[in-house]
Amino acid sequence: MNRTIAAASSNSSRNRGVLLLAAVFGILSAMLMFAFLSSRGGGDGISQKLAEGEGAQTVVVVAKNVNVGDKITADMLATKTIPATALVDGWIKDSDAQTLVGQVAVAPLYAGEQLINSKLSSFANQNTLTWKIPDGMRALSLMVPHEAWIAGGLPQPGDRVDILGITAYEVTDPLTGQAKPDLVGGYIAQDVEVLAVAQSVVKTVPKVADSKDGNGGAAVSTNPASQAISPDQADATYEKAISITIALPPDLVAKVAMIDAMKDDEGQYRILPRQKGDADPISGKTVYSFEDIFPVKK
């Protein structure tokens, strides 16, 4: 019995010795591998070799987190060589990094990610009409038959205006058979933005006296062809508004367009500029009839 216990104890000691020896050899192997890698440039050298494989590209990456709307600066960009299998669609070559400076982030950018064109915008077309239309609005252009309809053509892009519509018809009184005007005027839209005012340069026709009237005064010719015009007068011009473009909610576009489509003696509109900063809705009544202005006496 004693011999059996002694043998088991001997085997256990021998196993521990083998495990200890294996651990020593493992540590020694790791140290030798570390020394070898250090002599060859370390772990980074292996990563570099992998990155420089066939199809690898040096691309622009984000150097630090960038929020939406931030303008890209040089310190936000870096370059990195990426293996072909890790390249993302839309990657940007390192040689194009400088062209990205000044553009605006249209999506969040995170440090280390490859930069792609779809996350940046130069806003090159920001001066076109579509960039000026507010969210949820539609742009509508109105012809200007008379500048008095748009406050003398004085409103400018960015001004806020109200739109007054006026309709005029004749109705026949069924009792008397007499025709009477049926006028209705009302505010169609309030506090809308002027997007553009188109103008045309028009030649002026100066009034030049070319004869005397019976009282010894100057008689002004009404025939431009018969007038003696100086070179300075011939070059005289003025600007005349020919259309105005406004931003309207979709539900009001048709209403304003219908007034614009009517003949002048049936429907008209008026552009009423607001004071700067005044966005308050009109209080009280906003639609008036002929009887409201000229009450019928009973």
C-alpha atoms as a PDB file:
ATOM      1  CA  MET A   1       0.000   0.000   0.000  1.00  0.00           C
ATOM      2  CA  ASN A   2       2.806   2.389   0.858  1.00  0.00           C
ATOM      3  CA  ARG A   3       4.553   1.613  -2.423  1.00  0.00           C
ATOM      4  CA  THR A   4       1.357   2.567  -4.392  1.00  0.00           C
ATOM      5  CA  ILE A   5       1.089   5.948  -2.710  1.00  0.00           C
ATOM      6  CA  ALA A   6       4.754   6.664  -3.282  1.00  0.00           C
ATOM      7  CA  ALA A   7       4.455   5.824  -6.986  1.00  0.00           C
ATOM      8  CA  ALA A   8       1.463   8.168  -7.428  1.00  0.00           C
ATOM      9  CA  SER A   9       3.316  10.954  -5.702  1.00  0.00           C
ATOM     10  CA  SER A  10       6.322  10.412  -7.986  1.00  0.00           C
ATOM     11  CA  ASN A  11       4.168  10.585 -11.135  1.00  0.00           C
ATOM     12  CA  SER A  12       2.484  13.807  -9.964  1.00  0.00           C
ATOM     13  CA  SER A  13       5.826  15.471  -9.387  1.00  0.00           C
ATOM     14  CA  ARG A  14       7.041  14.362 -12.803  1.00  0.00           C
ATOM     15  CA  ASN A  15       3.906  15.916 -14.506  1.00  0.00           C
ATOM     16  CA  ARG A  16       4.403  19.209 -12.721  1.00  0.00           C
ATOM     17  CA  GLY A  17       7.962  19.292 -13.919  1.00  0.00           C
ATOM     18  CA  VAL A  18       6.902  18.709 -17.529  1.00  0.00           C
ATOM     19  CA  LEU A  19       4.290  21.548 -17.332  1.00  0.00           C
ATOM     20  CA  LEU A  20       6.805  23.917 -15.803  1.00  0.00           C
ATOM     21  CA  LEU A  21       9.340  23.087 -18.496  1.00  0.00           C
ATOM     22  CA  ALA A  22       6.709  23.697 -21.221  1.00  0.00           C
ATOM     23  CA  ALA A  23       5.840  27.077 -19.703  1.00  0.00           C
ATOM     24  CA  VAL A  24       9.498  28.065 -19.689  1.00  0.00           C
ATOM     25  CA  PHE A  25       9.893  27.087 -23.339  1.00  0.00           C
ATOM     26  CA  GLY A  26       6.698  29.051 -24.192  1.00  0.00           C
ATOM     27  CA  ILE A  27       7.988  32.196 -22.556  1.00  0.00           C
ATOM     28  CA  LEU A  28      11.350  31.748 -24.234  1.00  0.00           C
ATOM     29  CA  SER A  29       9.659  31.335 -27.633  1.00  0.00           C
ATOM     30  CA  ALA A  30       7.617  34.516 -27.098  1.00  0.00           C
ATOM     31  CA  MET A  31      10.744  36.462 -26.168  1.00  0.00           C
ATOM     32  CA  LEU A  32      12.554  35.184 -29.244  1.00  0.00           C
ATOM     33  CA  MET A  33       9.574  36.121 -31.490  1.00  0.00           C
ATOM     34  CA  PHE A  34       9.428  39.594 -29.951  1.00  0.00           C
ATOM     35  CA  ALA A  35      13.139  40.059 -30.553  1.00  0.00           C
ATOM     36  CA  PHE A  36      12.722  38.891 -34.146  1.00  0.00           C
ATOM     37  CA  LEU A  37       9.799  41.278 -34.808  1.00  0.00           C
ATOM     38  CA  SER A  38      11.680  44.153 -33.221  1.00  0.00           C
ATOM     39  CA  SER A  39      14.608  43.532 -35.527  1.00  0.00           C
ATOM     40  CA  ARG A  40      12.239  43.579 -38.528  1.00  0.00           C
ATOM     41  CA  GLY A  41      10.314  46.760 -37.554  1.00  0.00           C
ATOM     42  CA  GLY A  42       7.801  45.351 -35.048  1.00  0.00           C
ATOM     43  CA  GLY A  43       4.111  44.540 -35.388  1.00  0.00           C
ATOM     44  CA  ASP A  44       3.475  47.810 -37.212  1.00  0.00           C
ATOM     45  CA  GLY A  45       5.802  46.623 -39.918  1.00  0.00           C
ATOM     46  CA  ILE A  46       3.621  43.548 -40.500  1.00  0.00           C
ATOM     47  CA  SER A  47       0.492  45.700 -40.630  1.00  0.00           C
ATOM     48  CA  GLN A  48       2.193  47.968 -43.104  1.00  0.00           C
ATOM     49  CA  LYS A  49       3.165  45.003 -45.266  1.00  0.00           C
ATOM     50  CA  LEU A  50      -0.449  43.815 -45.256  1.00  0.00           C
ATOM     51  CA  ALA A  51      -1.737  47.293 -46.085  1.00  0.00           C
ATOM     52  CA  GLU A  52       0.725  47.671 -48.934  1.00  0.00           C
ATOM     53  CA  GLY A  53      -0.553  44.560 -50.674  1.00  0.00           C
ATOM     54  CA  GLU A  54      -2.012  44.501 -54.150  1.00  0.00           C
ATOM     55  CA  GLY A  55      -4.837  47.073 -54.614  1.00  0.00           C
ATOM     56  CA  ALA A  56      -4.110  49.001 -51.398  1.00  0.00           C
ATOM     57  CA  GLN A  57      -4.707  52.757 -51.557  1.00  0.00           C
ATOM     58  CA  THR A  58      -3.667  55.768 -49.510  1.00  0.00           C
ATOM     59  CA  VAL A  59      -6.917  57.566 -48.747  1.00  0.00           C
ATOM     60  CA  VAL A  60      -8.209  60.548 -46.788  1.00  0.00           C
ATOM     61  CA  VAL A  61      -9.483  59.729 -43.307  1.00  0.00           C
ATOM     62  CA  VAL A  62     -11.074  61.853 -40.605  1.00  0.00           C
ATOM     63  CA  ALA A  63      -8.572  63.003 -37.990  1.00  0.00           C
ATOM     64  CA  LYS A  64     -11.181  63.988 -35.380  1.00  0.00           C
ATOM     65  CA  ASN A  65     -14.928  63.994 -34.906  1.00  0.00           C
ATOM     66  CA  VAL A  66     -16.804  66.521 -37.086  1.00  0.00           C
ATOM     67  CA  ASN A  67     -20.392  67.654 -36.563  1.00  0.00           C
ATOM     68  CA  VAL A  68     -22.967  68.222 -39.293  1.00  0.00           C
ATOM     69  CA  GLY A  69     -22.630  71.739 -40.680  1.00  0.00           C
ATOM     70  CA  ASP A  70     -18.970  72.155 -39.711  1.00  0.00           C
ATOM     71  CA  LYS A  71     -16.667  73.519 -42.373  1.00  0.00           C
ATOM     72  CA  ILE A  72     -13.768  71.189 -43.125  1.00  0.00           C
ATOM     73  CA  THR A  73     -10.311  72.468 -42.127  1.00  0.00           C
ATOM     74  CA  ALA A  74      -6.905  70.923 -42.818  1.00  0.00           C
ATOM     75  CA  ASP A  75      -6.476  69.682 -39.223  1.00  0.00           C
ATOM     76  CA  MET A  76      -9.641  67.559 -39.568  1.00  0.00           C
ATOM     77  CA  LEU A  77      -8.025  65.438 -42.290  1.00  0.00           C
ATOM     78  CA  ALA A  78      -5.323  62.773 -42.345  1.00  0.00           C
ATOM     79  CA  THR A  79      -4.206  60.036 -44.731  1.00  0.00           C
ATOM     80  CA  LYS A  80      -3.870  56.285 -44.274  1.00  0.00           C
ATOM     81  CA  THR A  81      -2.994  53.312 -46.453  1.00  0.00           C
ATOM     82  CA  ILE A  82      -5.932  50.903 -46.560  1.00  0.00           C
ATOM     83  CA  PRO A  83      -5.945  47.319 -47.963  1.00  0.00           C
ATOM     84  CA  ALA A  84      -8.039  46.838 -51.069  1.00  0.00           C
ATOM     85  CA  THR A  85     -10.548  44.653 -49.223  1.00  0.00           C
ATOM     86  CA  ALA A  86     -11.193  47.404 -46.623  1.00  0.00           C
ATOM     87  CA  LEU A  87     -11.782  50.305 -49.013  1.00  0.00           C
ATOM     88  CA  VAL A  88     -15.284  51.792 -48.855  1.00  0.00           C
ATOM     89  CA  ASP A  89     -17.248  53.073 -51.834  1.00  0.00           C
ATOM     90  CA  GLY A  90     -16.544  56.736 -52.520  1.00  0.00           C
ATOM     91  CA  TRP A  91     -13.089  56.801 -50.893  1.00  0.00           C
ATOM     92  CA  ILE A  92     -10.995  59.876 -51.652  1.00  0.00           C
ATOM     93  CA  LYS A  93      -7.362  59.790 -52.777  1.00  0.00           C
ATOM     94  CA  ASP A  94      -4.823  61.452 -50.493  1.00  0.00           C
ATOM     95  CA  SER A  95      -3.834  63.770 -53.366  1.00  0.00           C
ATOM     96  CA  ASP A  96      -7.353  65.268 -53.290  1.00  0.00           C
ATOM     97  CA  ALA A  97      -7.293  66.140 -49.598  1.00  0.00           C
ATOM     98  CA  GLN A  98      -6.701  69.836 -50.196  1.00  0.00           C
ATOM     99  CA  THR A  99      -9.820  70.132 -52.360  1.00  0.00           C
ATOM    100  CA  LEU A 100     -11.943  69.104 -49.376  1.00  0.00           C
ATOM    101  CA  VAL A 101     -10.918  72.072 -47.231  1.00  0.00           C
ATOM    102  CA  GLY A 102     -13.762  74.573 -47.071  1.00  0.00           C
ATOM    103  CA  GLN A 103     -16.519  72.080 -47.817  1.00  0.00           C
ATOM    104  CA  VAL A 104     -19.262  71.412 -45.282  1.00  0.00           C
ATOM    105  CA  ALA A 105     -20.080  68.147 -43.518  1.00  0.00           C
ATOM    106  CA  VAL A 106     -23.623  67.001 -44.312  1.00  0.00           C
ATOM    107  CA  ALA A 107     -23.349  63.925 -42.054  1.00  0.00           C
ATOM    108  CA  PRO A 108     -21.518  63.200 -38.779  1.00  0.00           C
ATOM    109  CA  LEU A 109     -17.861  62.262 -39.287  1.00  0.00           C
ATOM    110  CA  TYR A 110     -15.911  60.155 -36.784  1.00  0.00           C
ATOM    111  CA  ALA A 111     -12.172  60.033 -36.195  1.00  0.00           C
ATOM    112  CA  GLY A 112     -10.473  57.261 -38.159  1.00  0.00           C
ATOM    113  CA  GLU A 113     -13.224  56.669 -40.721  1.00  0.00           C
ATOM    114  CA  GLN A 114     -12.544  56.890 -44.430  1.00  0.00           C
ATOM    115  CA  LEU A 115     -13.949  60.137 -45.841  1.00  0.00           C
ATOM    116  CA  ILE A 116     -16.360  59.834 -48.775  1.00  0.00           C
ATOM    117  CA  ASN A 117     -17.775  62.479 -51.110  1.00  0.00           C
ATOM    118  CA  SER A 118     -21.410  61.874 -50.182  1.00  0.00           C
ATOM    119  CA  LYS A 119     -20.764  63.151 -46.658  1.00  0.00           C
ATOM    120  CA  LEU A 120     -19.480  66.514 -47.868  1.00  0.00           C
ATOM    121  CA  SER A 121     -20.947  69.325 -49.946  1.00  0.00           C
ATOM    122  CA  SER A 122     -19.418  72.414 -51.488  1.00  0.00           C
ATOM    123  CA  PHE A 123     -22.894  73.993 -51.810  1.00  0.00           C
ATOM    124  CA  ALA A 124     -21.770  75.195 -55.237  1.00  0.00           C
ATOM    125  CA  ASN A 125     -25.386  75.736 -56.316  1.00  0.00           C
ATOM    126  CA  GLN A 126     -26.541  77.561 -53.195  1.00  0.00           C
ATOM    127  CA  ASN A 127     -27.305  80.716 -55.184  1.00  0.00           C
ATOM    128  CA  THR A 128     -29.936  79.013 -57.323  1.00  0.00           C
ATOM    129  CA  LEU A 129     -33.622  79.468 -56.579  1.00  0.00           C
ATOM    130  CA  THR A 130     -34.136  75.986 -55.144  1.00  0.00           C
ATOM    131  CA  TRP A 131     -31.701  76.707 -52.295  1.00  0.00           C
ATOM    132  CA  LYS A 132     -33.708  79.806 -51.319  1.00  0.00           C
ATOM    133  CA  ILE A 133     -37.137  78.187 -51.010  1.00  0.00           C
ATOM    134  CA  PRO A 134     -38.002  77.644 -47.311  1.00  0.00           C
ATOM    135  CA  ASP A 135     -38.947  74.167 -46.109  1.00  0.00           C
ATOM    136  CA  GLY A 136     -42.480  73.152 -47.059  1.00  0.00           C
ATOM    137  CA  MET A 137     -42.953  76.106 -49.428  1.00  0.00           C
ATOM    138  CA  ARG A 138     -43.358  76.443 -53.185  1.00  0.00           C
ATOM    139  CA  ALA A 139     -42.068  79.261 -55.403  1.00  0.00           C
ATOM    140  CA  LEU A 140     -44.702  81.079 -57.469  1.00  0.00           C
ATOM    141  CA  SER A 141     -44.001  83.865 -59.961  1.00  0.00           C
ATOM    142  CA  LEU A 142     -46.598  86.534 -60.706  1.00  0.00           C
ATOM    143  CA  MET A 143     -46.627  88.759 -63.750  1.00  0.00           C
ATOM    144  CA  VAL A 144     -46.633  92.489 -62.990  1.00  0.00           C
ATOM    145  CA  PRO A 145     -48.987  94.355 -65.345  1.00  0.00           C
ATOM    146  CA  HIS A 146     -48.746  97.487 -63.190  1.00  0.00           C
ATOM    147  CA  GLU A 147     -45.962  98.306 -60.770  1.00  0.00           C
ATOM    148  CA  ALA A 148     -48.495  99.829 -58.386  1.00  0.00           C
ATOM    149  CA  TRP A 149     -49.683  96.271 -57.762  1.00  0.00           C
ATOM    150  CA  ILE A 150     -46.345  95.440 -56.101  1.00  0.00           C
ATOM    151  CA  ALA A 151     -45.729  98.680 -54.202  1.00  0.00           C
ATOM    152  CA  GLY A 152     -44.030 100.429 -57.096  1.00  0.00           C
ATOM    153  CA  GLY A 153     -41.661  97.521 -57.751  1.00  0.00           C
ATOM    154  CA  LEU A 154     -39.799  98.359 -54.536  1.00  0.00           C
ATOM    155  CA  PRO A 155     -39.939  95.002 -52.670  1.00  0.00           C
ATOM    156  CA  GLN A 156     -36.620  93.167 -52.696  1.00  0.00           C
ATOM    157  CA  PRO A 157     -35.668  89.511 -52.161  1.00  0.00           C
ATOM    158  CA  GLY A 158     -35.903  88.712 -48.469  1.00  0.00           C
ATOM    159  CA  ASP A 159     -38.750  91.141 -47.769  1.00  0.00           C
ATOM    160  CA  ARG A 160     -41.932  89.811 -46.148  1.00  0.00           C
ATOM    161  CA  VAL A 161     -45.272  90.709 -47.704  1.00  0.00           C
ATOM    162  CA  ASP A 162     -49.007  90.054 -47.564  1.00  0.00           C
ATOM    163  CA  ILE A 163     -51.041  89.311 -50.694  1.00  0.00           C
ATOM    164  CA  LEU A 164     -54.441  90.915 -51.168  1.00  0.00           C
ATOM    165  CA  GLY A 165     -56.769  89.500 -53.816  1.00  0.00           C
ATOM    166  CA  ILE A 166     -59.561  91.519 -55.427  1.00  0.00           C
ATOM    167  CA  THR A 167     -62.323  90.181 -57.670  1.00  0.00           C
ATOM    168  CA  ALA A 168     -64.843  92.356 -59.511  1.00  0.00           C
ATOM    169  CA  TYR A 169     -68.014  91.223 -61.228  1.00  0.00           C
ATOM    170  CA  GLU A 170     -71.376  92.693 -62.090  1.00  0.00           C
ATOM    171  CA  VAL A 171     -74.479  91.044 -60.718  1.00  0.00           C
ATOM    172  CA  THR A 172     -78.077  91.754 -61.649  1.00  0.00           C
ATOM    173  CA  ASP A 173     -80.563  92.435 -58.885  1.00  0.00           C
ATOM    174  CA  PRO A 174     -83.403  89.937 -59.481  1.00  0.00           C
ATOM    175  CA  LEU A 175     -85.973  92.375 -58.079  1.00  0.00           C
ATOM    176  CA  THR A 176     -85.020  95.584 -59.862  1.00  0.00           C
ATOM    177  CA  GLY A 177     -83.134  94.189 -62.833  1.00  0.00           C
ATOM    178  CA  GLN A 178     -80.351  96.700 -62.189  1.00  0.00           C
ATOM    179  CA  ALA A 179     -76.712  95.718 -62.509  1.00  0.00           C
ATOM    180  CA  LYS A 180     -74.460  96.475 -59.599  1.00  0.00           C
ATOM    181  CA  PRO A 181     -70.802  95.751 -58.861  1.00  0.00           C
ATOM    182  CA  ASP A 182     -69.946  92.704 -56.807  1.00  0.00           C
ATOM    183  CA  LEU A 183     -66.495  93.397 -55.360  1.00  0.00           C
ATOM    184  CA  VAL A 184     -64.698  91.152 -52.946  1.00  0.00           C
ATOM    185  CA  GLY A 185     -61.252  91.853 -51.479  1.00  0.00           C
ATOM    186  CA  GLY A 186     -59.427  89.648 -49.037  1.00  0.00           C
ATOM    187  CA  TYR A 187     -56.023  88.646 -47.758  1.00  0.00           C
ATOM    188  CA  ILE A 188     -55.031  85.434 -49.542  1.00  0.00           C
ATOM    189  CA  ALA A 189     -51.650  85.019 -47.873  1.00  0.00           C
ATOM    190  CA  GLN A 190     -49.846  86.664 -44.992  1.00  0.00           C
ATOM    191  CA  ASP A 191     -46.188  87.101 -44.090  1.00  0.00           C
ATOM    192  CA  VAL A 192     -44.704  85.401 -47.168  1.00  0.00           C
ATOM    193  CA  GLU A 193     -41.143  85.828 -48.379  1.00  0.00           C
ATOM    194  CA  VAL A 194     -40.123  87.540 -51.618  1.00  0.00           C
ATOM    195  CA  LEU A 195     -37.610  85.268 -53.372  1.00  0.00           C
ATOM    196  CA  ALA A 196     -36.871  87.336 -56.478  1.00  0.00           C
ATOM    197  CA  VAL A 197     -37.953  90.389 -58.436  1.00  0.00           C
ATOM    198  CA  ALA A 198     -37.240  90.213 -62.162  1.00  0.00           C
ATOM    199  CA  GLN A 199     -36.663  93.513 -63.900  1.00  0.00           C
ATOM    200  CA  SER A 200     -36.306  94.742 -67.438  1.00  0.00           C
ATOM    201  CA  VAL A 201     -34.257  97.759 -68.553  1.00  0.00           C
ATOM    202  CA  VAL A 202     -36.548 100.059 -70.523  1.00  0.00           C
ATOM    203  CA  LYS A 203     -35.559 102.993 -72.733  1.00  0.00           C
ATOM    204  CA  THR A 204     -37.029 106.327 -71.703  1.00  0.00           C
ATOM    205  CA  VAL A 205     -38.546 108.655 -74.295  1.00  0.00           C
ATOM    206  CA  PRO A 206     -37.765 112.179 -73.123  1.00  0.00           C
ATOM    207  CA  LYS A 207     -40.217 114.968 -73.773  1.00  0.00           C
ATOM    208  CA  VAL A 208     -38.584 117.521 -76.056  1.00  0.00           C
ATOM    209  CA  ALA A 209     -40.217 120.789 -77.130  1.00  0.00           C
ATOM    210  CA  ASP A 210     -40.058 121.190 -80.906  1.00  0.00           C
ATOM    211  CA  SER A 211     -42.610 123.955 -81.515  1.00  0.00           C
ATOM    212  CA  LYS A 212     -44.469 126.810 -79.894  1.00  0.00           C
ATOM    213  CA  ASP A 213     -48.087 126.730 -78.937  1.00  0.00           C
ATOM    214  CA  GLY A 214     -50.490 129.580 -79.594  1.00  0.00           C
ATOM    215  CA  ASN A 215     -49.668 131.255 -76.302  1.00  0.00           C
ATOM    216  CA  GLY A 216     -45.950 131.358 -76.920  1.00  0.00           C
ATOM    217  CA  GLY A 217     -45.279 128.374 -74.707  1.00  0.00           C
ATOM    218  CA  ALA A 218     -43.498 125.183 -75.600  1.00  0.00           C
ATOM    219  CA  ALA A 219     -45.617 122.537 -77.283  1.00  0.00           C
ATOM    220  CA  VAL A 220     -44.437 119.015 -76.435  1.00  0.00           C
ATOM    221  CA  SER A 221     -44.399 116.594 -79.326  1.00  0.00           C
ATOM    222  CA  THR A 222     -46.068 113.247 -78.747  1.00  0.00           C
ATOM    223  CA  ASN A 223     -44.312 111.636 -81.691  1.00  0.00           C
ATOM    224  CA  PRO A 224     -40.952 110.238 -80.541  1.00  0.00           C
ATOM    225  CA  ALA A 225     -39.715 110.027 -84.114  1.00  0.00           C
ATOM    226  CA  SER A 226     -40.047 113.786 -84.524  1.00  0.00           C
ATOM    227  CA  GLN A 227     -38.139 114.679 -81.359  1.00  0.00           C
ATOM    228  CA  ALA A 228     -34.615 115.976 -81.333  1.00  0.00           C
ATOM    229  CA  ILE A 229     -32.933 113.766 -78.708  1.00  0.00           C
ATOM    230  CA  SER A 230     -29.460 114.426 -77.392  1.00  0.00           C
ATOM    231  CA  PRO A 231     -27.024 111.500 -76.986  1.00  0.00           C
ATOM    232  CA  ASP A 232     -27.406 111.669 -73.202  1.00  0.00           C
ATOM    233  CA  GLN A 233     -31.171 111.496 -73.476  1.00  0.00           C
ATOM    234  CA  ALA A 234     -31.017 108.633 -75.956  1.00  0.00           C
ATOM    235  CA  ASP A 235     -29.107 106.498 -73.424  1.00  0.00           C
ATOM    236  CA  ALA A 236     -31.531 107.161 -70.568  1.00  0.00           C
ATOM    237  CA  THR A 237     -33.147 104.027 -69.145  1.00  0.00           C
ATOM    238  CA  TYR A 238     -35.113 102.896 -66.138  1.00  0.00           C
ATOM    239  CA  GLU A 239     -35.815  99.524 -64.570  1.00  0.00           C
ATOM    240  CA  LYS A 240     -39.328  98.141 -64.672  1.00  0.00           C
ATOM    241  CA  ALA A 241     -40.445  95.158 -62.607  1.00  0.00           C
ATOM    242  CA  ILE A 242     -41.910  92.458 -64.813  1.00  0.00           C
ATOM    243  CA  SER A 243     -42.418  89.613 -62.315  1.00  0.00           C
ATOM    244  CA  ILE A 244     -42.188  88.841 -58.633  1.00  0.00           C
ATOM    245  CA  THR A 245     -41.470  85.395 -57.155  1.00  0.00           C
ATOM    246  CA  ILE A 246     -42.787  84.538 -53.711  1.00  0.00           C
ATOM    247  CA  ALA A 247     -42.671  81.518 -51.382  1.00  0.00           C
ATOM    248  CA  LEU A 248     -46.108  80.159 -50.532  1.00  0.00           C
ATOM    249  CA  PRO A 249     -47.511  77.142 -48.703  1.00  0.00           C
ATOM    250  CA  PRO A 250     -48.797  74.597 -51.260  1.00  0.00           C
ATOM    251  CA  ASP A 251     -52.430  75.158 -50.268  1.00  0.00           C
ATOM    252  CA  LEU A 252     -52.236  78.860 -51.138  1.00  0.00           C
ATOM    253  CA  VAL A 253     -50.417  78.558 -54.461  1.00  0.00           C
ATOM    254  CA  ALA A 254     -53.593  77.752 -56.437  1.00  0.00           C
ATOM    255  CA  LYS A 255     -55.557  80.600 -54.839  1.00  0.00           C
ATOM    256  CA  VAL A 256     -52.973  83.235 -55.696  1.00  0.00           C
ATOM    257  CA  ALA A 257     -52.374  81.775 -59.177  1.00  0.00           C
ATOM    258  CA  MET A 258     -56.100  81.930 -59.963  1.00  0.00           C
ATOM    259  CA  ILE A 259     -56.206  85.648 -59.172  1.00  0.00           C
ATOM    260  CA  ASP A 260     -53.122  86.170 -61.333  1.00  0.00           C
ATOM    261  CA  ALA A 261     -54.768  84.289 -64.230  1.00  0.00           C
ATOM    262  CA  MET A 262     -57.864  86.496 -64.276  1.00  0.00           C
ATOM    263  CA  LYS A 263     -58.304  89.463 -66.575  1.00  0.00           C
ATOM    264  CA  ASP A 264     -57.447  92.781 -64.964  1.00  0.00           C
ATOM    265  CA  ASP A 265     -61.077  93.885 -64.808  1.00  0.00           C
ATOM    266  CA  GLU A 266     -62.072  90.635 -63.092  1.00  0.00           C
ATOM    267  CA  GLY A 267     -59.275  89.853 -60.679  1.00  0.00           C
ATOM    268  CA  GLN A 268     -56.224  91.639 -59.348  1.00  0.00           C
ATOM    269  CA  TYR A 269     -53.697  91.188 -56.582  1.00  0.00           C
ATOM    270  CA  ARG A 270     -51.739  93.614 -54.436  1.00  0.00           C
ATOM    271  CA  ILE A 271     -48.382  92.993 -52.770  1.00  0.00           C
ATOM    272  CA  LEU A 272     -48.301  94.668 -49.358  1.00  0.00           C
ATOM    273  CA  PRO A 273     -44.804  94.878 -47.809  1.00  0.00           C
ATOM    274  CA  ARG A 274     -44.535  94.349 -44.071  1.00  0.00           C
ATOM    275  CA  GLN A 275     -42.370  96.263 -41.651  1.00  0.00           C
ATOM    276  CA  LYS A 276     -39.097  94.491 -40.915  1.00  0.00           C
ATOM    277  CA  GLY A 277     -39.618  92.003 -38.115  1.00  0.00           C
ATOM    278  CA  ASP A 278     -43.418  92.098 -38.202  1.00  0.00           C
ATOM    279  CA  ALA A 279     -44.700  88.519 -38.357  1.00  0.00           C
ATOM    280  CA  ASP A 280     -47.999  88.997 -36.529  1.00  0.00           C
ATOM    281  CA  PRO A 281     -51.155  87.719 -38.242  1.00  0.00           C
ATOM    282  CA  ILE A 282     -53.698  90.318 -39.284  1.00  0.00           C
ATOM    283  CA  SER A 283     -56.259  90.822 -36.567  1.00  0.00           C
ATOM    284  CA  GLY A 284     -59.949  91.259 -37.285  1.00  0.00           C
ATOM    285  CA  LYS A 285     -61.706  90.858 -40.594  1.00  0.00           C
ATOM    286  CA  THR A 286     -59.658  89.826 -43.620  1.00  0.00           C
ATOM    287  CA  VAL A 287     -62.342  89.620 -46.344  1.00  0.00           C
ATOM    288  CA  TYR A 288     -64.476  92.586 -47.445  1.00  0.00           C
ATOM    289  CA  SER A 289     -67.358  92.958 -49.881  1.00  0.00           C
ATOM    290  CA  PHE A 290     -68.655  95.988 -51.748  1.00  0.00           C
ATOM    291  CA  GLU A 291     -71.372  96.442 -49.121  1.00  0.00           C
ATOM    292  CA  ASP A 292     -68.763  96.558 -46.366  1.00  0.00           C
ATOM    293  CA  ILE A 293     -67.182  99.603 -47.967  1.00  0.00           C
ATOM    294  CA  PHE A 294     -70.355 101.233 -49.273  1.00  0.00           C
ATOM    295  CA  PRO A 295     -73.231 100.116 -47.037  1.00  0.00           C
ATOM    296  CA  VAL A 296     -76.644 100.270 -48.649  1.00  0.00           C
ATOM    297  CA  LYS A 297     -78.870 102.747 -46.870  1.00  0.00           C
ATOM    298  CA  LYS A 298     -82.242 101.371 -45.931  1.00  0.00           C
END
